[in-house]
Amino acid sequence: QVQLVESGGGLAQAGGSLRLSCAASGSIHSINGMGWYRQAPGRQRELVAAISTGGNTKYAESVKDRFTVSRDNGKSTVYLQMDRLKPEDTAVYYCAASPAPLLGVLQSWGQGTQVTVSS
């Protein structure tokens, strides 16, 4: 099993920045893709960004050019740098890890961290 622990959520003003981190432990040898999903109240969970072991990335259209996903394979840690935040980015952000390169299969989940963006 893979355990994921997130940190770095909180409150930011519109136009500001936040950085999320997620450290994996346990069966890390099974991990290829890591990344982030988010879920706002009353909405479905959606993929925000994913990154493979080799560095290939995928982003939701709504965050392209504002968010950057990166990872440190040696530390089994994935990051999400969020810039030019908007109120609509407010959600609980969940870290995910998967044997698939860009997530979507047999995923492990973190506990979630709240991100709130005020206007």
C-alpha atoms as a PDB file:
ATOM      1  CA  GLN A   1       0.000   0.000   0.000  1.00  0.00           C
ATOM      2  CA  VAL A   2       0.959   3.604  -0.592  1.00  0.00           C
ATOM      3  CA  GLN A   3       0.428   6.324   1.996  1.00  0.00           C
ATOM      4  CA  LEU A   4       0.254   9.944   0.905  1.00  0.00           C
ATOM      5  CA  VAL A   5       0.548  12.944   3.231  1.00  0.00           C
ATOM      6  CA  GLU A   6      -0.228  16.434   1.924  1.00  0.00           C
ATOM      7  CA  SER A   7       0.794  19.794   3.289  1.00  0.00           C
ATOM      8  CA  GLY A   8       0.695  23.422   2.246  1.00  0.00           C
ATOM      9  CA  GLY A   9      -2.961  24.293   1.839  1.00  0.00           C
ATOM     10  CA  GLY A  10      -4.516  27.389   3.342  1.00  0.00           C
ATOM     11  CA  LEU A  11      -5.945  30.778   2.519  1.00  0.00           C
ATOM     12  CA  ALA A  12      -4.750  33.064  -0.256  1.00  0.00           C
ATOM     13  CA  GLN A  13      -6.028  36.177  -1.952  1.00  0.00           C
ATOM     14  CA  ALA A  14      -6.940  36.212  -5.604  1.00  0.00           C
ATOM     15  CA  GLY A  15      -3.783  36.690  -7.631  1.00  0.00           C
ATOM     16  CA  GLY A  16      -1.645  35.144  -4.918  1.00  0.00           C
ATOM     17  CA  SER A  17       0.250  31.861  -4.709  1.00  0.00           C
ATOM     18  CA  LEU A  18       0.309  28.668  -2.690  1.00  0.00           C
ATOM     19  CA  ARG A  19       2.468  25.554  -2.875  1.00  0.00           C
ATOM     20  CA  LEU A  20       1.240  22.091  -2.028  1.00  0.00           C
ATOM     21  CA  SER A  21       3.492  19.151  -1.192  1.00  0.00           C
ATOM     22  CA  CYS A  22       2.732  15.455  -0.955  1.00  0.00           C
ATOM     23  CA  ALA A  23       5.105  12.802   0.339  1.00  0.00           C
ATOM     24  CA  ALA A  24       4.593   9.125  -0.441  1.00  0.00           C
ATOM     25  CA  SER A  25       5.617   6.214   1.734  1.00  0.00           C
ATOM     26  CA  GLY A  26       5.016   2.482   1.836  1.00  0.00           C
ATOM     27  CA  SER A  27       5.057   0.615  -1.495  1.00  0.00           C
ATOM     28  CA  ILE A  28       6.660   3.478  -3.403  1.00  0.00           C
ATOM     29  CA  HIS A  29       8.186   1.062  -5.908  1.00  0.00           C
ATOM     30  CA  SER A  30       4.680   0.639  -7.348  1.00  0.00           C
ATOM     31  CA  ILE A  31       4.283   4.355  -8.112  1.00  0.00           C
ATOM     32  CA  ASN A  32       4.625   5.836 -11.579  1.00  0.00           C
ATOM     33  CA  GLY A  33       2.246   8.772 -11.843  1.00  0.00           C
ATOM     34  CA  MET A  34       1.675  11.292  -9.067  1.00  0.00           C
ATOM     35  CA  GLY A  35      -0.431  14.404  -9.028  1.00  0.00           C
ATOM     36  CA  TRP A  36      -3.385  16.343  -7.746  1.00  0.00           C
ATOM     37  CA  TYR A  37      -7.148  16.299  -7.942  1.00  0.00           C
ATOM     38  CA  ARG A  38      -9.556  18.795  -6.418  1.00  0.00           C
ATOM     39  CA  GLN A  39     -13.165  18.800  -5.325  1.00  0.00           C
ATOM     40  CA  ALA A  40     -15.232  21.899  -4.743  1.00  0.00           C
ATOM     41  CA  PRO A  41     -18.539  21.784  -2.808  1.00  0.00           C
ATOM     42  CA  GLY A  42     -21.290  20.295  -4.949  1.00  0.00           C
ATOM     43  CA  ARG A  43     -18.915  19.338  -7.739  1.00  0.00           C
ATOM     44  CA  GLN A  44     -17.197  16.161  -8.867  1.00  0.00           C
ATOM     45  CA  ARG A  45     -13.575  15.497  -8.132  1.00  0.00           C
ATOM     46  CA  GLU A  46     -11.457  16.585 -11.093  1.00  0.00           C
ATOM     47  CA  LEU A  47      -7.879  16.079 -12.178  1.00  0.00           C
ATOM     48  CA  VAL A  48      -5.768  19.206 -11.755  1.00  0.00           C
ATOM     49  CA  ALA A  49      -2.304  18.027 -12.754  1.00  0.00           C
ATOM     50  CA  ALA A  50      -0.322  14.819 -13.100  1.00  0.00           C
ATOM     51  CA  ILE A  51       3.325  13.966 -13.649  1.00  0.00           C
ATOM     52  CA  SER A  52       4.977  10.688 -14.547  1.00  0.00           C
ATOM     53  CA  THR A  53       8.252   9.328 -13.209  1.00  0.00           C
ATOM     54  CA  GLY A  54       9.861  10.471 -16.438  1.00  0.00           C
ATOM     55  CA  GLY A  55       8.520  14.006 -16.139  1.00  0.00           C
ATOM     56  CA  ASN A  56       5.634  13.958 -18.601  1.00  0.00           C
ATOM     57  CA  THR A  57       2.822  16.196 -17.400  1.00  0.00           C
ATOM     58  CA  LYS A  58      -0.896  16.726 -17.901  1.00  0.00           C
ATOM     59  CA  TYR A  59      -2.984  19.693 -16.742  1.00  0.00           C
ATOM     60  CA  ALA A  60      -6.617  20.667 -16.591  1.00  0.00           C
ATOM     61  CA  GLU A  61      -7.337  23.449 -19.068  1.00  0.00           C
ATOM     62  CA  SER A  62      -8.493  25.715 -16.249  1.00  0.00           C
ATOM     63  CA  VAL A  63      -5.077  25.721 -14.565  1.00  0.00           C
ATOM     64  CA  LYS A  64      -2.693  25.647 -17.532  1.00  0.00           C
ATOM     65  CA  ASP A  65      -0.175  28.509 -17.406  1.00  0.00           C
ATOM     66  CA  ARG A  66      -1.023  29.145 -13.730  1.00  0.00           C
ATOM     67  CA  PHE A  67      -0.171  25.893 -11.941  1.00  0.00           C
ATOM     68  CA  THR A  68       3.018  23.836 -12.178  1.00  0.00           C
ATOM     69  CA  VAL A  69       3.368  20.229 -11.078  1.00  0.00           C
ATOM     70  CA  SER A  70       6.799  18.835 -10.244  1.00  0.00           C
ATOM     71  CA  ARG A  71       8.272  15.914  -8.339  1.00  0.00           C
ATOM     72  CA  ASP A  72      11.378  14.761  -6.565  1.00  0.00           C
ATOM     73  CA  ASN A  73      11.637  11.048  -7.292  1.00  0.00           C
ATOM     74  CA  GLY A  74      14.379  10.599  -4.710  1.00  0.00           C
ATOM     75  CA  LYS A  75      12.052  11.916  -2.020  1.00  0.00           C
ATOM     76  CA  SER A  76       8.890  10.342  -3.487  1.00  0.00           C
ATOM     77  CA  THR A  77       7.327  13.785  -3.260  1.00  0.00           C
ATOM     78  CA  VAL A  78       5.117  15.704  -5.658  1.00  0.00           C
ATOM     79  CA  TYR A  79       4.504  19.442  -5.581  1.00  0.00           C
ATOM     80  CA  LEU A  80       1.889  21.788  -6.970  1.00  0.00           C
ATOM     81  CA  GLN A  81       2.888  25.421  -7.370  1.00  0.00           C
ATOM     82  CA  MET A  82      -0.281  27.478  -7.743  1.00  0.00           C
ATOM     83  CA  ASP A  83       0.123  31.032  -9.029  1.00  0.00           C
ATOM     84  CA  ARG A  84      -2.391  33.685 -10.053  1.00  0.00           C
ATOM     85  CA  LEU A  85      -4.988  31.977  -7.921  1.00  0.00           C
ATOM     86  CA  LYS A  86      -8.663  32.603  -8.572  1.00  0.00           C
ATOM     87  CA  PRO A  87     -11.666  32.208  -6.251  1.00  0.00           C
ATOM     88  CA  GLU A  88     -12.826  29.311  -8.425  1.00  0.00           C
ATOM     89  CA  ASP A  89      -9.668  27.420  -7.412  1.00  0.00           C
ATOM     90  CA  THR A  90     -11.187  27.052  -3.937  1.00  0.00           C
ATOM     91  CA  ALA A  91     -11.518  23.326  -3.211  1.00  0.00           C
ATOM     92  CA  VAL A  92     -10.133  20.433  -1.246  1.00  0.00           C
ATOM     93  CA  TYR A  93      -7.010  19.275  -3.050  1.00  0.00           C
ATOM     94  CA  TYR A  94      -6.141  15.575  -2.980  1.00  0.00           C
ATOM     95  CA  CYS A  95      -2.793  14.049  -3.761  1.00  0.00           C
ATOM     96  CA  ALA A  96      -2.895  10.877  -5.840  1.00  0.00           C
ATOM     97  CA  ALA A  97      -0.440   8.189  -6.883  1.00  0.00           C
ATOM     98  CA  SER A  98      -0.841   5.414  -9.424  1.00  0.00           C
ATOM     99  CA  PRO A  99       1.019   2.693 -11.304  1.00  0.00           C
ATOM    100  CA  ALA A 100      -0.144   4.475 -14.472  1.00  0.00           C
ATOM    101  CA  PRO A 101       2.108   7.253 -15.817  1.00  0.00           C
ATOM    102  CA  LEU A 102      -0.467  10.043 -15.603  1.00  0.00           C
ATOM    103  CA  LEU A 103      -2.865   8.648 -12.992  1.00  0.00           C
ATOM    104  CA  GLY A 104      -6.319   7.199 -13.543  1.00  0.00           C
ATOM    105  CA  VAL A 105      -5.728   3.598 -12.511  1.00  0.00           C
ATOM    106  CA  LEU A 106      -5.582   1.923  -9.083  1.00  0.00           C
ATOM    107  CA  GLN A 107      -4.988   5.232  -7.364  1.00  0.00           C
ATOM    108  CA  SER A 108      -3.978   5.862  -3.796  1.00  0.00           C
ATOM    109  CA  TRP A 109      -5.263   9.050  -2.184  1.00  0.00           C
ATOM    110  CA  GLY A 110      -4.124  11.516   0.408  1.00  0.00           C
ATOM    111  CA  GLN A 111      -6.441  12.888   3.053  1.00  0.00           C
ATOM    112  CA  GLY A 112      -6.949  16.212   1.277  1.00  0.00           C
ATOM    113  CA  THR A 113      -5.950  19.770   2.072  1.00  0.00           C
ATOM    114  CA  GLN A 114      -8.216  22.809   1.879  1.00  0.00           C
ATOM    115  CA  VAL A 115      -7.322  25.670  -0.439  1.00  0.00           C
ATOM    116  CA  THR A 116      -9.432  28.812  -0.124  1.00  0.00           C
ATOM    117  CA  VAL A 117      -8.983  31.796  -2.409  1.00  0.00           C
ATOM    118  CA  SER A 118     -10.665  35.037  -1.427  1.00  0.00           C
ATOM    119  CA  SER A 119     -11.666  37.702  -3.918  1.00  0.00           C
END
